[in-house]
Amino acid sequence: MSEVLFLALRRWGASAKSDIRTLTTCRAVVLPRFGGPEVLQVRDDSILPDLGASDVLVRTHAVGVNPLDMRMREGYGRSLFEPLLPLVLGRDVSGEVTAVGSNVRQLLVGDQVFGALHPTATRGTYSDYAILGEEQLAPKPESLSHTDAAAIPFASLTAWRALRSTAKIQKGQKVLIMGGGGAVGLAAIALAKAAGCYVACTCGKRSMEKVKEAGAEEAVDYTSPNVKGEFQDRFDVVLDTIGVPETETTGISLLLRGGQYMTLQGQTVTFTDKYGLIVGGAAAAVALLQKQMQYKQSHGIDYWWPIMRTDAEGLEEICRLASDGRLKIPVGLTFPLEMAAEAHRARDSKNAGGKVVLKVDV
């Protein structure tokens, strides 16, 4: 049988399977109200929306627990999410395709995939089944377990958005990652190294070896009394994953003129939560513009609030680097899906020793 005919028959089979999907509810971890980990509830009757034409239904094997999940649980983004409660949290996923929409072209039923939802998605992945757009998924690297794969996409796409899409880093540039020991920081190191950049970072003492293994040429303890003086040179790009006033001041001061500073702690959501979507969105735009003008005049640099977005090109590169072993996000602790509250407590304590992942029985 020719390869073309085989693929055609396989796709026909996948389409046939997807057409007979009758699943309408499933088990999920639900957020009925904002609060601490104790508010999370496991429900067996969470409604599973119909598939759109470009959607993919994934049988979840593992789900990464991200800082955004904790912040949303506590009320971050309430201007958007409060009217939609109860919510299903979660952005990362690794699992198996069980159904596809009519316009899906690259993925088939039975494919092992991983990917991530956009931060504003209203139904997350803490669930037996998750729905993502085709462009939000990629084949899972065969060398990775579902647990390891689930730790990668959201953090890596966040880093990709900042470095590759916003800053457009180039070979030979010097990049500083502030907070290099976290998941986003480690992904940023890998992406910058793959682009041919010189990479330095700040991190805690416990993360020194980890960031060096990831490829950082320099690593400075963020508790040093003179962080700025510890670095050998200035940088073309600074990615600040911490985003407090102290790290912003240090990061800006370490940039060359013409450089780019990016913080992952932009104020858009803060403004919209305080003033509403329309007024808050306008206030955030004004605040960003003021920052950009201020630093352009005082330091001659560009200032950005990059926001993660799902990106097929970015996910393709992340998949390639993960397959080659050049991008690794270590998993610290795992919990079954029904222990999501305990997983949040472990993540809140910041003593997990790596990414926290929920494993789903299959």
Protein backbone atom coordinates (compact mmCIF):
# COMPACT_ATOMS: atom_id res chain seq x y z
CA MET A 1 0.00 0.00 0.00
CA SER A 2 1.39 3.42 -0.92
CA GLU A 3 2.12 5.91 1.85
CA VAL A 4 -0.37 8.38 0.37
CA LEU A 5 -3.15 5.79 0.36
CA PHE A 6 -2.27 4.67 3.88
CA LEU A 7 -2.47 8.24 5.21
CA ALA A 8 -5.73 8.84 3.38
CA LEU A 9 -7.30 5.73 4.89
CA ARG A 10 -5.94 6.62 8.32
CA ARG A 11 -7.45 10.09 8.07
CA TRP A 12 -10.79 8.64 6.94
CA GLY A 13 -10.75 6.37 10.00
CA ALA A 14 -9.91 9.25 12.30
CA SER A 15 -12.73 11.36 10.86
CA ALA A 16 -15.17 8.49 11.22
CA LYS A 17 -14.25 8.07 14.87
CA SER A 18 -14.54 11.79 15.56
CA ASP A 19 -18.02 11.94 14.07
CA ILE A 20 -19.47 9.48 16.59
CA ARG A 21 -18.28 11.23 19.76
CA THR A 22 -21.10 11.19 22.30
CA LEU A 23 -19.22 12.23 25.44
CA THR A 24 -20.91 15.29 26.96
CA THR A 25 -19.60 15.33 30.54
CA CYS A 26 -16.42 14.23 32.27
CA ARG A 27 -14.49 14.48 35.51
CA ALA A 28 -12.81 17.83 36.12
CA VAL A 29 -11.35 19.96 38.89
CA VAL A 30 -13.67 22.95 39.18
CA LEU A 31 -13.17 26.41 40.69
CA PRO A 32 -16.63 27.49 41.97
CA ARG A 33 -15.34 30.66 43.67
CA PHE A 34 -12.04 32.44 44.20
CA GLY A 35 -9.96 31.56 47.24
CA GLY A 36 -7.34 29.17 48.58
CA PRO A 37 -6.63 25.60 47.45
CA GLU A 38 -9.55 24.33 49.52
CA VAL A 39 -12.09 25.86 47.10
CA LEU A 40 -11.13 23.42 44.32
CA GLN A 41 -13.73 20.70 43.77
CA VAL A 42 -13.61 17.43 41.81
CA ARG A 43 -16.82 16.92 39.86
CA ASP A 44 -17.82 14.01 37.66
CA ASP A 45 -20.39 15.96 35.65
CA SER A 46 -18.36 18.82 34.19
CA ILE A 47 -19.90 19.79 30.86
CA LEU A 48 -17.68 19.11 27.85
CA PRO A 49 -18.43 21.62 25.06
CA ASP A 50 -18.98 20.49 21.49
CA LEU A 51 -15.93 20.43 19.25
CA GLY A 52 -15.48 23.33 16.89
CA ALA A 53 -14.36 22.69 13.33
CA SER A 54 -10.70 23.39 14.20
CA ASP A 55 -10.79 21.81 17.67
CA VAL A 56 -9.18 18.65 19.00
CA LEU A 57 -10.45 16.53 21.89
CA VAL A 58 -7.56 15.25 24.01
CA ARG A 59 -7.77 12.43 26.54
CA THR A 60 -5.64 13.95 29.28
CA HIS A 61 -2.69 11.98 30.66
CA ALA A 62 -0.91 14.78 32.54
CA VAL A 63 -1.39 18.48 33.26
CA GLY A 64 1.22 21.03 34.34
CA VAL A 65 0.43 23.29 37.31
CA ASN A 66 1.47 26.86 36.55
CA PRO A 67 1.73 30.04 38.67
CA LEU A 68 -1.12 31.43 36.56
CA ASP A 69 -3.39 28.68 37.90
CA MET A 70 -2.74 29.78 41.47
CA ARG A 71 -3.27 33.43 40.62
CA MET A 72 -6.54 32.70 38.81
CA ARG A 73 -7.71 30.61 41.76
CA GLU A 74 -7.11 33.63 44.00
CA GLY A 75 -9.01 36.01 41.70
CA TYR A 76 -6.48 37.25 39.16
CA GLY A 77 -8.40 38.09 36.00
CA ARG A 78 -11.73 38.29 37.83
CA SER A 79 -12.95 41.00 35.45
CA LEU A 80 -13.00 38.31 32.74
CA PHE A 81 -13.52 35.08 34.67
CA GLU A 82 -15.88 35.90 37.56
CA PRO A 83 -19.02 35.99 35.38
CA LEU A 84 -18.00 32.56 34.01
CA LEU A 85 -17.60 30.71 37.33
CA PRO A 86 -17.37 27.79 37.89
CA LEU A 87 -14.17 27.43 35.87
CA VAL A 88 -11.86 24.56 35.03
CA LEU A 89 -8.26 25.68 35.62
CA GLY A 90 -5.14 24.50 33.78
CA ARG A 91 -3.23 25.48 30.65
CA ASP A 92 -0.70 22.71 29.94
CA VAL A 93 -1.72 19.28 28.70
CA SER A 94 -0.20 16.06 27.40
CA GLY A 95 -2.39 13.23 26.18
CA GLU A 96 -3.98 11.38 23.29
CA VAL A 97 -6.21 12.69 20.50
CA THR A 98 -9.64 11.06 20.74
CA ALA A 99 -11.64 13.21 18.30
CA VAL A 100 -11.01 15.98 15.78
CA GLY A 101 -13.08 18.72 14.18
CA SER A 102 -13.91 18.73 10.50
CA ASN A 103 -11.19 21.28 9.59
CA VAL A 104 -8.34 19.59 11.50
CA ARG A 105 -5.66 18.53 9.01
CA GLN A 106 -2.46 17.62 10.83
CA LEU A 107 -3.60 15.61 13.86
CA LEU A 108 -5.33 12.25 13.90
CA VAL A 109 -7.20 10.16 16.44
CA GLY A 110 -4.65 8.19 18.44
CA ASP A 111 -1.83 10.75 18.12
CA GLN A 112 0.13 11.48 21.28
CA VAL A 113 0.22 15.27 21.68
CA PHE A 114 1.15 18.08 24.04
CA GLY A 115 0.32 21.76 24.06
CA ALA A 116 -1.14 24.70 25.95
CA LEU A 117 -4.17 26.95 26.03
CA HIS A 118 -4.09 30.75 25.87
CA PRO A 119 -4.17 32.49 29.30
CA THR A 120 -7.72 33.73 28.65
CA ALA A 121 -9.18 30.30 27.80
CA THR A 122 -12.38 29.80 29.78
CA ARG A 123 -12.20 25.98 30.07
CA GLY A 124 -8.86 24.61 31.17
CA THR A 125 -7.13 21.24 31.27
CA TYR A 126 -7.63 19.96 34.86
CA SER A 127 -9.94 17.39 33.40
CA ASP A 128 -10.15 13.87 31.96
CA TYR A 129 -10.69 15.49 28.56
CA ALA A 130 -9.51 18.84 27.23
CA ILE A 131 -10.42 20.75 24.09
CA LEU A 132 -7.71 22.73 22.29
CA GLY A 133 -7.34 24.24 18.86
CA GLU A 134 -5.18 22.30 16.42
CA GLU A 135 -2.61 25.11 16.41
CA GLN A 136 -2.28 24.75 20.20
CA LEU A 137 -1.01 21.18 19.96
CA ALA A 138 2.03 19.37 18.58
CA PRO A 139 3.15 15.73 18.53
CA LYS A 140 4.58 14.79 21.92
CA PRO A 141 8.31 14.06 21.71
CA GLU A 142 8.67 10.28 21.81
CA SER A 143 11.56 10.57 24.24
CA LEU A 144 9.34 12.21 26.88
CA SER A 145 6.73 10.72 29.16
CA HIS A 146 3.39 12.48 29.35
CA THR A 147 4.38 13.72 32.81
CA ASP A 148 7.57 15.34 31.54
CA ALA A 149 5.86 16.69 28.42
CA ALA A 150 3.07 18.36 30.42
CA ALA A 151 5.64 20.50 32.24
CA ILE A 152 6.87 22.17 29.07
CA PRO A 153 4.38 23.99 26.78
CA PHE A 154 2.93 26.96 28.67
CA ALA A 155 6.19 28.12 30.23
CA SER A 156 8.10 27.58 27.00
CA LEU A 157 5.55 29.42 24.87
CA THR A 158 5.69 32.30 27.36
CA ALA A 159 9.45 32.49 26.88
CA TRP A 160 9.13 32.08 23.11
CA ARG A 161 6.64 34.94 22.89
CA ALA A 162 9.03 37.25 24.73
CA LEU A 163 12.34 36.31 23.12
CA ARG A 164 11.50 35.09 19.64
CA SER A 165 8.26 36.92 18.80
CA THR A 166 8.71 40.23 20.66
CA ALA A 167 12.47 40.80 21.00
CA LYS A 168 13.32 38.79 17.86
CA ILE A 169 16.64 37.72 19.36
CA GLN A 170 19.48 37.10 16.92
CA LYS A 171 22.71 35.14 16.87
CA GLY A 172 25.50 36.88 18.76
CA GLN A 173 23.28 38.95 21.04
CA LYS A 174 23.66 38.92 24.82
CA VAL A 175 20.55 37.95 26.76
CA LEU A 176 19.91 38.25 30.50
CA ILE A 177 17.19 36.13 32.10
CA MET A 178 16.15 37.42 35.52
CA GLY A 179 14.74 34.45 37.40
CA GLY A 180 16.45 31.78 35.32
CA GLY A 181 15.75 28.90 37.69
CA GLY A 182 11.99 28.74 37.11
CA ALA A 183 10.20 26.97 34.28
CA VAL A 184 9.96 30.08 32.08
CA GLY A 185 13.57 30.97 32.84
CA LEU A 186 14.89 27.52 31.92
CA ALA A 187 12.88 27.54 28.70
CA ALA A 188 14.18 31.03 27.91
CA ILE A 189 17.78 29.88 28.38
CA ALA A 190 17.23 26.98 25.97
CA LEU A 191 15.54 29.18 23.35
CA ALA A 192 18.22 31.87 23.55
CA LYS A 193 21.01 29.31 23.26
CA ALA A 194 19.31 27.71 20.27
CA ALA A 195 19.22 31.15 18.62
CA GLY A 196 22.99 31.50 19.09
CA CYS A 197 22.90 34.04 21.93
CA TYR A 198 25.18 34.48 24.92
CA VAL A 199 23.01 33.85 27.99
CA ALA A 200 23.34 35.02 31.58
CA CYS A 201 20.81 34.81 34.37
CA THR A 202 19.97 35.60 37.97
CA CYS A 203 18.67 32.80 40.17
CA GLY A 204 18.77 31.38 43.68
CA LYS A 205 21.74 29.44 44.98
CA ARG A 206 19.87 26.13 44.65
CA SER A 207 19.35 26.75 40.93
CA MET A 208 22.94 27.58 39.98
CA GLU A 209 23.81 24.14 38.62
CA LYS A 210 20.43 23.78 36.95
CA VAL A 211 20.76 26.98 34.91
CA LYS A 212 24.35 26.13 33.96
CA GLU A 213 23.19 22.72 32.71
CA ALA A 214 20.49 24.49 30.70
CA GLY A 215 23.22 26.51 28.93
CA ALA A 216 23.69 29.76 30.84
CA GLU A 217 27.27 31.06 30.63
CA GLU A 218 26.83 33.27 33.69
CA ALA A 219 24.66 32.82 36.76
CA VAL A 220 24.46 35.38 39.56
CA ASP A 221 22.78 34.86 42.93
CA TYR A 222 19.83 37.25 43.03
CA THR A 223 20.48 37.88 46.74
CA SER A 224 23.89 39.37 45.98
CA PRO A 225 24.17 42.91 47.41
CA ASN A 226 25.44 44.14 44.03
CA VAL A 227 23.77 42.08 41.31
CA LYS A 228 24.59 44.63 38.62
CA GLY A 229 28.29 44.57 39.48
CA GLU A 230 28.48 40.77 39.23
CA PHE A 231 27.98 40.73 35.46
CA GLN A 232 30.88 41.12 33.05
CA ASP A 233 29.04 43.18 30.45
CA ARG A 234 25.74 44.77 29.49
CA PHE A 235 23.01 43.08 27.47
CA ASP A 236 20.97 43.48 24.31
CA VAL A 237 17.87 41.87 25.81
CA VAL A 238 16.61 41.44 29.37
CA LEU A 239 13.72 39.10 30.16
CA ASP A 240 12.47 39.72 33.71
CA THR A 241 10.36 36.79 34.90
CA ILE A 242 10.10 38.28 38.42
CA GLY A 243 8.84 41.76 37.56
CA VAL A 244 9.16 43.61 40.87
CA PRO A 245 10.46 47.21 41.03
CA GLU A 246 13.93 46.07 42.14
CA THR A 247 14.39 43.66 39.24
CA GLU A 248 13.06 46.23 36.79
CA THR A 249 15.55 48.83 37.99
CA THR A 250 18.43 46.34 37.80
CA GLY A 251 17.38 44.97 34.42
CA ILE A 252 17.03 48.41 32.86
CA SER A 253 20.44 49.44 34.18
CA LEU A 254 22.08 46.37 32.61
CA LEU A 255 20.80 47.08 29.10
CA LEU A 256 22.79 48.57 26.27
CA ARG A 257 21.24 51.56 24.49
CA GLY A 258 18.97 50.19 21.81
CA GLY A 259 18.26 47.15 23.99
CA GLN A 260 14.93 45.63 24.98
CA TYR A 261 13.49 45.03 28.44
CA MET A 262 10.54 42.67 28.84
CA THR A 263 8.67 41.92 32.05
CA LEU A 264 6.23 39.06 32.41
CA GLN A 265 4.43 40.96 35.17
CA GLY A 266 2.68 43.55 33.03
CA GLN A 267 -0.19 45.50 34.53
CA THR A 268 -2.94 44.87 31.97
CA VAL A 269 -4.88 42.38 34.11
CA THR A 270 -4.35 44.45 37.26
CA PHE A 271 -5.91 47.49 35.59
CA THR A 272 -8.83 45.55 34.09
CA ASP A 273 -9.59 43.84 37.40
CA LYS A 274 -9.63 47.22 39.13
CA TYR A 275 -11.50 49.32 36.58
CA GLY A 276 -13.26 46.82 34.29
CA LEU A 277 -12.37 45.53 30.85
CA ILE A 278 -12.94 48.71 28.83
CA VAL A 279 -11.68 51.42 31.19
CA GLY A 280 -8.99 49.15 32.63
CA GLY A 281 -7.77 48.13 29.19
CA ALA A 282 -7.45 51.77 28.16
CA ALA A 283 -5.67 52.65 31.44
CA ALA A 284 -3.22 49.77 30.93
CA ALA A 285 -2.44 50.93 27.39
CA VAL A 286 -1.73 54.44 28.69
CA ALA A 287 0.46 53.11 31.52
CA LEU A 288 2.49 50.98 29.10
CA LEU A 289 2.93 53.88 26.70
CA GLN A 290 4.15 56.10 29.55
CA LYS A 291 6.70 53.46 30.56
CA GLN A 292 7.86 53.08 26.98
CA MET A 293 8.32 56.83 26.54
CA GLN A 294 10.04 57.17 29.92
CA TYR A 295 12.67 54.51 29.24
CA LYS A 296 13.15 55.49 25.61
CA GLN A 297 14.06 59.00 26.74
CA SER A 298 16.10 58.09 29.84
CA HIS A 299 17.90 54.95 28.64
CA GLY A 300 17.28 54.64 24.92
CA ILE A 301 15.69 51.19 25.28
CA ASP A 302 12.40 49.51 24.34
CA TYR A 303 10.05 48.35 27.11
CA TRP A 304 7.46 45.57 26.70
CA TRP A 305 4.78 43.59 28.53
CA PRO A 306 4.74 40.40 26.44
CA ILE A 307 1.79 38.07 27.02
CA MET A 308 1.92 34.36 26.21
CA ARG A 309 -0.04 33.29 23.19
CA THR A 310 -0.36 29.94 21.50
CA ASP A 311 1.80 29.82 18.41
CA ALA A 312 2.25 26.89 16.02
CA GLU A 313 5.73 28.04 14.99
CA GLY A 314 6.82 28.43 18.59
CA LEU A 315 5.41 25.06 19.60
CA GLU A 316 7.20 23.42 16.68
CA GLU A 317 10.56 24.81 17.85
CA ILE A 318 9.83 23.86 21.46
CA CYS A 319 8.97 20.34 20.36
CA ARG A 320 12.23 20.07 18.40
CA LEU A 321 14.37 21.35 21.28
CA ALA A 322 12.61 19.06 23.77
CA SER A 323 13.09 16.08 21.45
CA ASP A 324 16.80 16.87 21.20
CA GLY A 325 17.12 17.17 24.97
CA ARG A 326 18.06 20.85 24.74
CA LEU A 327 14.91 22.07 26.51
CA LYS A 328 14.09 20.44 29.83
CA ILE A 329 11.69 21.51 32.56
CA PRO A 330 12.35 19.29 35.59
CA VAL A 331 9.33 17.83 37.35
CA GLY A 332 9.48 18.12 41.12
CA LEU A 333 6.24 16.59 42.41
CA THR A 334 3.29 14.74 40.88
CA PHE A 335 -0.25 14.32 42.21
CA PRO A 336 -3.34 12.51 40.91
CA LEU A 337 -5.95 14.80 39.38
CA GLU A 338 -8.26 14.43 42.36
CA MET A 339 -5.53 15.87 44.61
CA ALA A 340 -5.34 19.17 42.74
CA ALA A 341 -5.80 21.12 45.99
CA GLU A 342 -2.74 19.40 47.50
CA ALA A 343 -0.82 20.12 44.30
CA HIS A 344 -1.67 23.81 44.64
CA ARG A 345 -0.53 23.81 48.25
CA ALA A 346 2.77 22.25 47.20
CA ARG A 347 3.19 24.80 44.42
CA ASP A 348 2.28 27.66 46.76
CA SER A 349 4.97 26.54 49.21
CA LYS A 350 7.63 26.90 46.48
CA ASN A 351 9.40 23.81 47.81
CA ALA A 352 8.43 21.41 45.03
CA GLY A 353 11.95 21.27 43.58
CA GLY A 354 10.59 21.60 40.05
CA LYS A 355 7.33 21.72 38.14
CA VAL A 356 4.23 20.29 39.82
CA VAL A 357 2.24 17.99 37.52
CA LEU A 358 -1.19 16.39 37.84
CA LYS A 359 -1.40 12.82 36.52
CA VAL A 360 -4.68 11.56 35.15
CA ASP A 361 -5.68 7.89 35.32
CA VAL A 362 -6.14 6.36 31.88
